[in-house]
All heavy atoms as atom14 arrays in JSON, in Angstrom:
{
  "sequence": "PPMDTASLARIACLLRDVKPLEAIVDDVGDVLGEQNPRESE",
  "atom14_mask": [
    [1, 1, 1, 1, 1, 1, 1, 0, 0, 0, 0, 0, 0, 0],
    [1, 1, 1, 1, 1, 1, 1, 0, 0, 0, 0, 0, 0, 0],
    [1, 1, 1, 1, 1, 1, 1, 1, 0, 0, 0, 0, 0, 0],
    [1, 1, 1, 1, 1, 1, 1, 1, 0, 0, 0, 0, 0, 0],
    [1, 1, 1, 1, 1, 1, 1, 0, 0, 0, 0, 0, 0, 0],
    [1, 1, 1, 1, 1, 0, 0, 0, 0, 0, 0, 0, 0, 0],
    [1, 1, 1, 1, 1, 1, 0, 0, 0, 0, 0, 0, 0, 0],
    [1, 1, 1, 1, 1, 1, 1, 1, 0, 0, 0, 0, 0, 0],
    [1, 1, 1, 1, 1, 0, 0, 0, 0, 0, 0, 0, 0, 0],
    [1, 1, 1, 1, 1, 1, 1, 1, 1, 1, 1, 0, 0, 0],
    [1, 1, 1, 1, 1, 1, 1, 1, 0, 0, 0, 0, 0, 0],
    [1, 1, 1, 1, 1, 0, 0, 0, 0, 0, 0, 0, 0, 0],
    [1, 1, 1, 1, 1, 1, 0, 0, 0, 0, 0, 0, 0, 0],
    [1, 1, 1, 1, 1, 1, 1, 1, 0, 0, 0, 0, 0, 0],
    [1, 1, 1, 1, 1, 1, 1, 1, 0, 0, 0, 0, 0, 0],
    [1, 1, 1, 1, 1, 1, 1, 1, 1, 1, 1, 0, 0, 0],
    [1, 1, 1, 1, 1, 1, 1, 1, 0, 0, 0, 0, 0, 0],
    [1, 1, 1, 1, 1, 1, 1, 0, 0, 0, 0, 0, 0, 0],
    [1, 1, 1, 1, 1, 1, 1, 1, 1, 0, 0, 0, 0, 0],
    [1, 1, 1, 1, 1, 1, 1, 0, 0, 0, 0, 0, 0, 0],
    [1, 1, 1, 1, 1, 1, 1, 1, 0, 0, 0, 0, 0, 0],
    [1, 1, 1, 1, 1, 1, 1, 1, 1, 0, 0, 0, 0, 0],
    [1, 1, 1, 1, 1, 0, 0, 0, 0, 0, 0, 0, 0, 0],
    [1, 1, 1, 1, 1, 1, 1, 1, 0, 0, 0, 0, 0, 0],
    [1, 1, 1, 1, 1, 1, 1, 0, 0, 0, 0, 0, 0, 0],
    [1, 1, 1, 1, 1, 1, 1, 1, 0, 0, 0, 0, 0, 0],
    [1, 1, 1, 1, 1, 1, 1, 1, 0, 0, 0, 0, 0, 0],
    [1, 1, 1, 1, 1, 1, 1, 0, 0, 0, 0, 0, 0, 0],
    [1, 1, 1, 1, 0, 0, 0, 0, 0, 0, 0, 0, 0, 0],
    [1, 1, 1, 1, 1, 1, 1, 1, 0, 0, 0, 0, 0, 0],
    [1, 1, 1, 1, 1, 1, 1, 0, 0, 0, 0, 0, 0, 0],
    [1, 1, 1, 1, 1, 1, 1, 1, 0, 0, 0, 0, 0, 0],
    [1, 1, 1, 1, 0, 0, 0, 0, 0, 0, 0, 0, 0, 0],
    [1, 1, 1, 1, 1, 1, 1, 1, 1, 0, 0, 0, 0, 0],
    [1, 1, 1, 1, 1, 1, 1, 1, 1, 0, 0, 0, 0, 0],
    [1, 1, 1, 1, 1, 1, 1, 1, 0, 0, 0, 0, 0, 0],
    [1, 1, 1, 1, 1, 1, 1, 0, 0, 0, 0, 0, 0, 0],
    [1, 1, 1, 1, 1, 1, 1, 1, 1, 1, 1, 0, 0, 0],
    [1, 1, 1, 1, 1, 1, 1, 1, 1, 0, 0, 0, 0, 0],
    [1, 1, 1, 1, 1, 1, 0, 0, 0, 0, 0, 0, 0, 0],
    [1, 1, 1, 1, 1, 1, 1, 1, 1, 0, 0, 0, 0, 0]
  ],
  "atom14_positions": [
    [[-54.86, -3.02, 79.52], [-55.75, -3.59, 78.51], [-56.02, -5.05, 78.8], [-55.18, -5.75, 79.39], [-54.97, -3.41, 77.2], [-53.56, -3.18, 77.59], [-53.56, -2.63, 78.98], [0.0, 0.0, 0.0], [0.0, 0.0, 0.0], [0.0, 0.0, 0.0], [0.0, 0.0, 0.0], [0.0, 0.0, 0.0], [0.0, 0.0, 0.0], [0.0, 0.0, 0.0]],
    [[-57.2, -5.54, 78.39], [-57.55, -6.92, 78.68], [-56.73, -7.94, 77.88], [-56.67, -9.09, 78.25], [-59.03, -7.01, 78.28], [-59.25, -5.86, 77.35], [-58.27, -4.81, 77.72], [0.0, 0.0, 0.0], [0.0, 0.0, 0.0], [0.0, 0.0, 0.0], [0.0, 0.0, 0.0], [0.0, 0.0, 0.0], [0.0, 0.0, 0.0], [0.0, 0.0, 0.0]],
    [[-56.1, -7.5, 76.8], [-55.28, -8.4, 75.99], [-54.0, -7.69, 75.58], [-53.96, -6.47, 75.46], [-56.03, -8.8, 74.72], [-57.15, -9.75, 74.92], [-57.81, -10.22, 73.32], [-59.52, -9.91, 73.61], [0.0, 0.0, 0.0], [0.0, 0.0, 0.0], [0.0, 0.0, 0.0], [0.0, 0.0, 0.0], [0.0, 0.0, 0.0], [0.0, 0.0, 0.0]],
    [[-52.99, -8.5, 75.32], [-51.75, -7.91, 74.85], [-51.83, -7.65, 73.34], [-52.79, -8.04, 72.67], [-50.56, -8.82, 75.19], [-50.64, -10.19, 74.54], [-51.47, -10.38, 73.63], [-49.87, -11.08, 74.94], [0.0, 0.0, 0.0], [0.0, 0.0, 0.0], [0.0, 0.0, 0.0], [0.0, 0.0, 0.0], [0.0, 0.0, 0.0], [0.0, 0.0, 0.0]],
    [[-50.85, -6.99, 72.82], [-50.84, -6.59, 71.41], [-50.91, -7.8, 70.48], [-51.63, -7.77, 69.47], [-49.57, -5.77, 71.11], [-49.5, -4.69, 72.03], [-49.58, -5.22, 69.7], [0.0, 0.0, 0.0], [0.0, 0.0, 0.0], [0.0, 0.0, 0.0], [0.0, 0.0, 0.0], [0.0, 0.0, 0.0], [0.0, 0.0, 0.0], [0.0, 0.0, 0.0]],
    [[-50.21, -8.86, 70.79], [-50.21, -10.05, 69.93], [-51.6, -10.67, 69.87], [-52.06, -11.09, 68.79], [-49.19, -11.06, 70.43], [0.0, 0.0, 0.0], [0.0, 0.0, 0.0], [0.0, 0.0, 0.0], [0.0, 0.0, 0.0], [0.0, 0.0, 0.0], [0.0, 0.0, 0.0], [0.0, 0.0, 0.0], [0.0, 0.0, 0.0], [0.0, 0.0, 0.0]],
    [[-52.3, -10.72, 71.0], [-53.66, -11.28, 71.02], [-54.61, -10.42, 70.2], [-55.45, -10.93, 69.46], [-54.17, -11.41, 72.45], [-53.38, -12.31, 73.18], [0.0, 0.0, 0.0], [0.0, 0.0, 0.0], [0.0, 0.0, 0.0], [0.0, 0.0, 0.0], [0.0, 0.0, 0.0], [0.0, 0.0, 0.0], [0.0, 0.0, 0.0], [0.0, 0.0, 0.0]],
    [[-54.51, -9.11, 70.36], [-55.37, -8.21, 69.58], [-55.09, -8.34, 68.09], [-56.01, -8.33, 67.27], [-55.16, -6.76, 70.04], [-55.73, -6.42, 71.41], [-55.29, -5.02, 71.84], [-57.24, -6.53, 71.42], [0.0, 0.0, 0.0], [0.0, 0.0, 0.0], [0.0, 0.0, 0.0], [0.0, 0.0, 0.0], [0.0, 0.0, 0.0], [0.0, 0.0, 0.0]],
    [[-53.84, -8.48, 67.7], [-53.48, -8.64, 66.29], [-54.04, -9.95, 65.74], [-54.53, -10.01, 64.61], [-51.97, -8.6, 66.13], [0.0, 0.0, 0.0], [0.0, 0.0, 0.0], [0.0, 0.0, 0.0], [0.0, 0.0, 0.0], [0.0, 0.0, 0.0], [0.0, 0.0, 0.0], [0.0, 0.0, 0.0], [0.0, 0.0, 0.0], [0.0, 0.0, 0.0]],
    [[-53.99, -11.01, 66.55], [-54.54, -12.3, 66.12], [-56.04, -12.2, 65.9], [-56.57, -12.67, 64.9], [-54.22, -13.38, 67.17], [-54.67, -14.78, 66.79], [-54.32, -15.79, 67.88], [-54.93, -15.5, 69.15], [-56.21, -15.75, 69.47], [-57.0, -16.3, 68.59], [-56.68, -15.46, 70.66], [0.0, 0.0, 0.0], [0.0, 0.0, 0.0], [0.0, 0.0, 0.0]],
    [[-56.75, -11.54, 66.8], [-58.2, -11.37, 66.66], [-58.53, -10.51, 65.44], [-59.45, -10.81, 64.69], [-58.8, -10.79, 67.96], [-58.75, -11.85, 69.04], [-60.22, -10.31, 67.74], [-59.14, -11.37, 70.41], [0.0, 0.0, 0.0], [0.0, 0.0, 0.0], [0.0, 0.0, 0.0], [0.0, 0.0, 0.0], [0.0, 0.0, 0.0], [0.0, 0.0, 0.0]],
    [[-57.76, -9.45, 65.23], [-57.99, -8.6, 64.05], [-57.8, -9.4, 62.77], [-58.58, -9.26, 61.82], [-57.04, -7.4, 64.08], [0.0, 0.0, 0.0], [0.0, 0.0, 0.0], [0.0, 0.0, 0.0], [0.0, 0.0, 0.0], [0.0, 0.0, 0.0], [0.0, 0.0, 0.0], [0.0, 0.0, 0.0], [0.0, 0.0, 0.0], [0.0, 0.0, 0.0]],
    [[-56.8, -10.26, 62.74], [-56.57, -11.11, 61.56], [-57.74, -12.06, 61.34], [-58.2, -12.24, 60.21], [-55.27, -11.88, 61.75], [-54.83, -12.9, 60.33], [0.0, 0.0, 0.0], [0.0, 0.0, 0.0], [0.0, 0.0, 0.0], [0.0, 0.0, 0.0], [0.0, 0.0, 0.0], [0.0, 0.0, 0.0], [0.0, 0.0, 0.0], [0.0, 0.0, 0.0]],
    [[-58.23, -12.66, 62.42], [-59.38, -13.57, 62.31], [-60.61, -12.83, 61.81], [-61.37, -13.36, 60.98], [-59.66, -14.23, 63.65], [-58.63, -15.25, 64.15], [-58.93, -15.65, 65.58], [-58.6, -16.46, 63.24], [0.0, 0.0, 0.0], [0.0, 0.0, 0.0], [0.0, 0.0, 0.0], [0.0, 0.0, 0.0], [0.0, 0.0, 0.0], [0.0, 0.0, 0.0]],
    [[-60.83, -11.63, 62.29], [-61.99, -10.85, 61.86], [-61.9, -10.48, 60.37], [-62.9, -10.46, 59.67], [-62.15, -9.6, 62.71], [-62.62, -9.83, 64.14], [-62.59, -8.53, 64.93], [-64.02, -10.42, 64.14], [0.0, 0.0, 0.0], [0.0, 0.0, 0.0], [0.0, 0.0, 0.0], [0.0, 0.0, 0.0], [0.0, 0.0, 0.0], [0.0, 0.0, 0.0]],
    [[-60.7, -10.21, 59.91], [-60.53, -9.89, 58.48], [-60.86, -11.09, 57.61], [-61.28, -10.94, 56.47], [-59.11, -9.42, 58.2], [-58.88, -7.96, 58.54], [-57.55, -7.49, 58.0], [-56.42, -8.06, 58.69], [-55.86, -7.57, 59.78], [-56.34, -6.49, 60.32], [-54.83, -8.16, 60.34], [0.0, 0.0, 0.0], [0.0, 0.0, 0.0], [0.0, 0.0, 0.0]],
    [[-60.64, -12.29, 58.13], [-60.89, -13.51, 57.36], [-62.33, -13.99, 57.42], [-62.68, -14.97, 56.77], [-59.97, -14.64, 57.85], [-58.5, -14.36, 57.54], [-58.23, -13.53, 56.65], [-57.64, -14.96, 58.2], [0.0, 0.0, 0.0], [0.0, 0.0, 0.0], [0.0, 0.0, 0.0], [0.0, 0.0, 0.0], [0.0, 0.0, 0.0], [0.0, 0.0, 0.0]],
    [[-63.19, -13.34, 58.21], [-64.58, -13.77, 58.34], [-65.31, -13.48, 57.04], [-65.25, -12.38, 56.5], [-65.27, -13.04, 59.53], [-66.77, -13.28, 59.51], [-64.68, -13.51, 60.83], [0.0, 0.0, 0.0], [0.0, 0.0, 0.0], [0.0, 0.0, 0.0], [0.0, 0.0, 0.0], [0.0, 0.0, 0.0], [0.0, 0.0, 0.0], [0.0, 0.0, 0.0]],
    [[-66.0, -14.48, 56.57], [-66.75, -14.36, 55.33], [-68.02, -13.54, 55.59], [-68.79, -13.86, 56.49], [-67.12, -15.77, 54.86], [-67.78, -15.85, 53.53], [-68.02, -17.32, 53.21], [-68.33, -17.55, 51.78], [-68.48, -18.97, 51.47], [0.0, 0.0, 0.0], [0.0, 0.0, 0.0], [0.0, 0.0, 0.0], [0.0, 0.0, 0.0], [0.0, 0.0, 0.0]],
    [[-68.24, -12.47, 54.82], [-69.45, -11.68, 55.04], [-70.71, -12.48, 54.68], [-70.67, -13.39, 53.85], [-69.28, -10.47, 54.11], [-68.18, -10.81, 53.18], [-67.4, -11.94, 53.77], [0.0, 0.0, 0.0], [0.0, 0.0, 0.0], [0.0, 0.0, 0.0], [0.0, 0.0, 0.0], [0.0, 0.0, 0.0], [0.0, 0.0, 0.0], [0.0, 0.0, 0.0]],
    [[-71.81, -12.13, 55.31], [-73.06, -12.84, 55.04], [-73.47, -12.74, 53.57], [-74.07, -13.65, 53.03], [-74.17, -12.31, 55.95], [-73.98, -12.57, 57.45], [-75.11, -11.94, 58.24], [-73.87, -14.05, 57.74], [0.0, 0.0, 0.0], [0.0, 0.0, 0.0], [0.0, 0.0, 0.0], [0.0, 0.0, 0.0], [0.0, 0.0, 0.0], [0.0, 0.0, 0.0]],
    [[-73.12, -11.63, 52.93], [-73.44, -11.47, 51.51], [-72.75, -12.54, 50.67], [-73.3, -13.0, 49.67], [-73.05, -10.07, 51.02], [-73.9, -8.95, 51.59], [-73.47, -8.51, 52.99], [-72.45, -8.99, 53.51], [-74.18, -7.67, 53.57], [0.0, 0.0, 0.0], [0.0, 0.0, 0.0], [0.0, 0.0, 0.0], [0.0, 0.0, 0.0], [0.0, 0.0, 0.0]],
    [[-71.55, -12.96, 51.07], [-70.84, -14.01, 50.35], [-71.55, -15.36, 50.52], [-71.55, -16.19, 49.62], [-69.39, -14.11, 50.83], [0.0, 0.0, 0.0], [0.0, 0.0, 0.0], [0.0, 0.0, 0.0], [0.0, 0.0, 0.0], [0.0, 0.0, 0.0], [0.0, 0.0, 0.0], [0.0, 0.0, 0.0], [0.0, 0.0, 0.0], [0.0, 0.0, 0.0]],
    [[-72.17, -15.57, 51.67], [-72.95, -16.78, 51.89], [-74.15, -16.79, 50.94], [-74.48, -17.82, 50.34], [-73.39, -16.9, 53.36], [-72.15, -17.12, 54.25], [-74.39, -18.03, 53.55], [-72.44, -17.13, 55.74], [0.0, 0.0, 0.0], [0.0, 0.0, 0.0], [0.0, 0.0, 0.0], [0.0, 0.0, 0.0], [0.0, 0.0, 0.0], [0.0, 0.0, 0.0]],
    [[-74.78, -15.63, 50.79], [-75.9, -15.51, 49.84], [-75.42, -15.83, 48.42], [-76.13, -16.48, 47.65], [-76.54, -14.11, 49.93], [-77.58, -13.91, 48.85], [-77.16, -13.9, 51.3], [0.0, 0.0, 0.0], [0.0, 0.0, 0.0], [0.0, 0.0, 0.0], [0.0, 0.0, 0.0], [0.0, 0.0, 0.0], [0.0, 0.0, 0.0], [0.0, 0.0, 0.0]],
    [[-74.22, -15.39, 48.08], [-73.66, -15.7, 46.76], [-73.48, -17.2, 46.58], [-73.75, -17.75, 45.5], [-72.32, -14.99, 46.56], [-72.47, -13.48, 46.42], [-73.59, -13.0, 46.15], [-71.45, -12.78, 46.59], [0.0, 0.0, 0.0], [0.0, 0.0, 0.0], [0.0, 0.0, 0.0], [0.0, 0.0, 0.0], [0.0, 0.0, 0.0], [0.0, 0.0, 0.0]],
    [[-73.01, -17.89, 47.63], [-72.85, -19.35, 47.56], [-74.2, -20.02, 47.31], [-74.3, -20.95, 46.51], [-72.24, -19.9, 48.86], [-70.78, -19.52, 49.04], [-70.14, -19.09, 48.06], [-70.29, -19.64, 50.18], [0.0, 0.0, 0.0], [0.0, 0.0, 0.0], [0.0, 0.0, 0.0], [0.0, 0.0, 0.0], [0.0, 0.0, 0.0], [0.0, 0.0, 0.0]],
    [[-75.23, -19.54, 47.98], [-76.58, -20.08, 47.79], [-77.02, -19.84, 46.35], [-77.56, -20.73, 45.68], [-77.57, -19.45, 48.8], [-79.01, -19.79, 48.44], [-77.25, -19.93, 50.21], [0.0, 0.0, 0.0], [0.0, 0.0, 0.0], [0.0, 0.0, 0.0], [0.0, 0.0, 0.0], [0.0, 0.0, 0.0], [0.0, 0.0, 0.0], [0.0, 0.0, 0.0]],
    [[-76.77, -18.64, 45.85], [-77.13, -18.3, 44.47], [-76.4, -19.15, 43.44], [-76.96, -19.46, 42.37], [0.0, 0.0, 0.0], [0.0, 0.0, 0.0], [0.0, 0.0, 0.0], [0.0, 0.0, 0.0], [0.0, 0.0, 0.0], [0.0, 0.0, 0.0], [0.0, 0.0, 0.0], [0.0, 0.0, 0.0], [0.0, 0.0, 0.0], [0.0, 0.0, 0.0]],
    [[-75.16, -19.56, 43.75], [-74.42, -20.43, 42.83], [-75.13, -21.75, 42.61], [-74.99, -22.38, 41.56], [-73.0, -20.69, 43.36], [-72.1, -19.48, 43.28], [-72.46, -18.5, 42.58], [-71.03, -19.49, 43.93], [0.0, 0.0, 0.0], [0.0, 0.0, 0.0], [0.0, 0.0, 0.0], [0.0, 0.0, 0.0], [0.0, 0.0, 0.0], [0.0, 0.0, 0.0]],
    [[-75.87, -22.19, 43.61], [-76.56, -23.49, 43.52], [-78.01, -23.34, 43.1], [-78.51, -24.12, 42.28], [-76.48, -24.23, 44.88], [-77.26, -25.53, 44.84], [-75.03, -24.48, 45.27], [0.0, 0.0, 0.0], [0.0, 0.0, 0.0], [0.0, 0.0, 0.0], [0.0, 0.0, 0.0], [0.0, 0.0, 0.0], [0.0, 0.0, 0.0], [0.0, 0.0, 0.0]],
    [[-78.68, -22.34, 43.65], [-80.12, -22.21, 43.41], [-80.44, -21.26, 42.25], [-81.61, -21.02, 41.98], [-80.83, -21.73, 44.67], [-80.74, -22.65, 45.88], [-81.48, -22.05, 47.07], [-81.25, -24.04, 45.57], [0.0, 0.0, 0.0], [0.0, 0.0, 0.0], [0.0, 0.0, 0.0], [0.0, 0.0, 0.0], [0.0, 0.0, 0.0], [0.0, 0.0, 0.0]],
    [[-79.42, -20.74, 41.58], [-79.64, -19.83, 40.46], [-80.23, -20.57, 39.26], [-80.52, -21.77, 39.3], [0.0, 0.0, 0.0], [0.0, 0.0, 0.0], [0.0, 0.0, 0.0], [0.0, 0.0, 0.0], [0.0, 0.0, 0.0], [0.0, 0.0, 0.0], [0.0, 0.0, 0.0], [0.0, 0.0, 0.0], [0.0, 0.0, 0.0], [0.0, 0.0, 0.0]],
    [[-80.41, -19.83, 38.2], [-81.03, -20.39, 37.0], [-80.2, -21.47, 36.33], [-80.73, -22.36, 35.7], [-81.32, -19.26, 36.0], [-82.39, -18.31, 36.49], [-82.68, -17.21, 35.48], [-82.39, -17.39, 34.29], [-83.19, -16.17, 35.92], [0.0, 0.0, 0.0], [0.0, 0.0, 0.0], [0.0, 0.0, 0.0], [0.0, 0.0, 0.0], [0.0, 0.0, 0.0]],
    [[-78.89, -21.37, 36.45], [-78.01, -22.34, 35.82], [-77.36, -23.22, 36.87], [-76.85, -22.73, 37.87], [-76.94, -21.6, 35.02], [-76.06, -22.51, 34.19], [-75.13, -21.7, 33.31], [-75.35, -20.52, 33.06], [-74.09, -22.35, 32.82], [0.0, 0.0, 0.0], [0.0, 0.0, 0.0], [0.0, 0.0, 0.0], [0.0, 0.0, 0.0], [0.0, 0.0, 0.0]],
    [[-77.39, -24.53, 36.64], [-76.75, -25.46, 37.56], [-75.24, -25.27, 37.55], [-74.66, -24.98, 36.5], [-77.06, -26.91, 37.17], [-78.5, -27.28, 37.4], [-79.19, -26.67, 38.21], [-78.97, -28.3, 36.7], [0.0, 0.0, 0.0], [0.0, 0.0, 0.0], [0.0, 0.0, 0.0], [0.0, 0.0, 0.0], [0.0, 0.0, 0.0], [0.0, 0.0, 0.0]],
    [[-74.6, -25.47, 38.69], [-73.14, -25.41, 38.7], [-72.56, -26.59, 37.92], [-73.21, -27.62, 37.75], [-72.79, -25.49, 40.18], [-73.97, -26.09, 40.85], [-75.15, -25.76, 40.01], [0.0, 0.0, 0.0], [0.0, 0.0, 0.0], [0.0, 0.0, 0.0], [0.0, 0.0, 0.0], [0.0, 0.0, 0.0], [0.0, 0.0, 0.0], [0.0, 0.0, 0.0]],
    [[-71.33, -26.41, 37.46], [-70.66, -27.52, 36.76], [-70.34, -28.63, 37.75], [-70.03, -28.38, 38.91], [-69.38, -27.03, 36.11], [-69.61, -26.1, 34.92], [-68.3, -25.78, 34.28], [-67.47, -25.05, 35.24], [-66.94, -23.87, 35.02], [-67.1, -23.27, 33.88], [-66.22, -23.28, 35.95], [0.0, 0.0, 0.0], [0.0, 0.0, 0.0], [0.0, 0.0, 0.0]],
    [[-70.43, -29.84, 37.27], [-70.17, -31.0, 38.12], [-68.76, -30.96, 38.71], [-68.54, -31.38, 39.84], [-70.37, -32.3, 37.32], [-70.37, -33.54, 38.17], [-70.71, -34.79, 37.38], [-71.3, -34.69, 36.29], [-70.35, -35.88, 37.88], [0.0, 0.0, 0.0], [0.0, 0.0, 0.0], [0.0, 0.0, 0.0], [0.0, 0.0, 0.0], [0.0, 0.0, 0.0]],
    [[-67.82, -30.41, 37.97], [-66.43, -30.32, 38.46], [-66.32, -29.37, 39.67], [-65.32, -29.41, 40.39], [-65.51, -29.84, 37.34], [-65.89, -28.55, 36.9], [0.0, 0.0, 0.0], [0.0, 0.0, 0.0], [0.0, 0.0, 0.0], [0.0, 0.0, 0.0], [0.0, 0.0, 0.0], [0.0, 0.0, 0.0], [0.0, 0.0, 0.0], [0.0, 0.0, 0.0]],
    [[-67.33, -28.53, 39.9], [-67.31, -27.59, 41.01], [-68.06, -28.1, 42.24], [-68.05, -27.43, 43.28], [-67.94, -26.26, 40.58], [-67.22, -25.56, 39.45], [-67.98, -24.34, 38.95], [-69.22, -24.28, 39.12], [-67.32, -23.44, 38.41], [0.0, 0.0, 0.0], [0.0, 0.0, 0.0], [0.0, 0.0, 0.0], [0.0, 0.0, 0.0], [0.0, 0.0, 0.0]]
  ]
}
């Protein structure tokens, strides 16, 4: 195999932590939605 088990596990962990594009759209909606975000946020 091109990588050992530890390297593959590290990559799998990184992939699980990747934010889906839909979540980016949600972030945009938090700002551009009808209601302004709270200043504390």
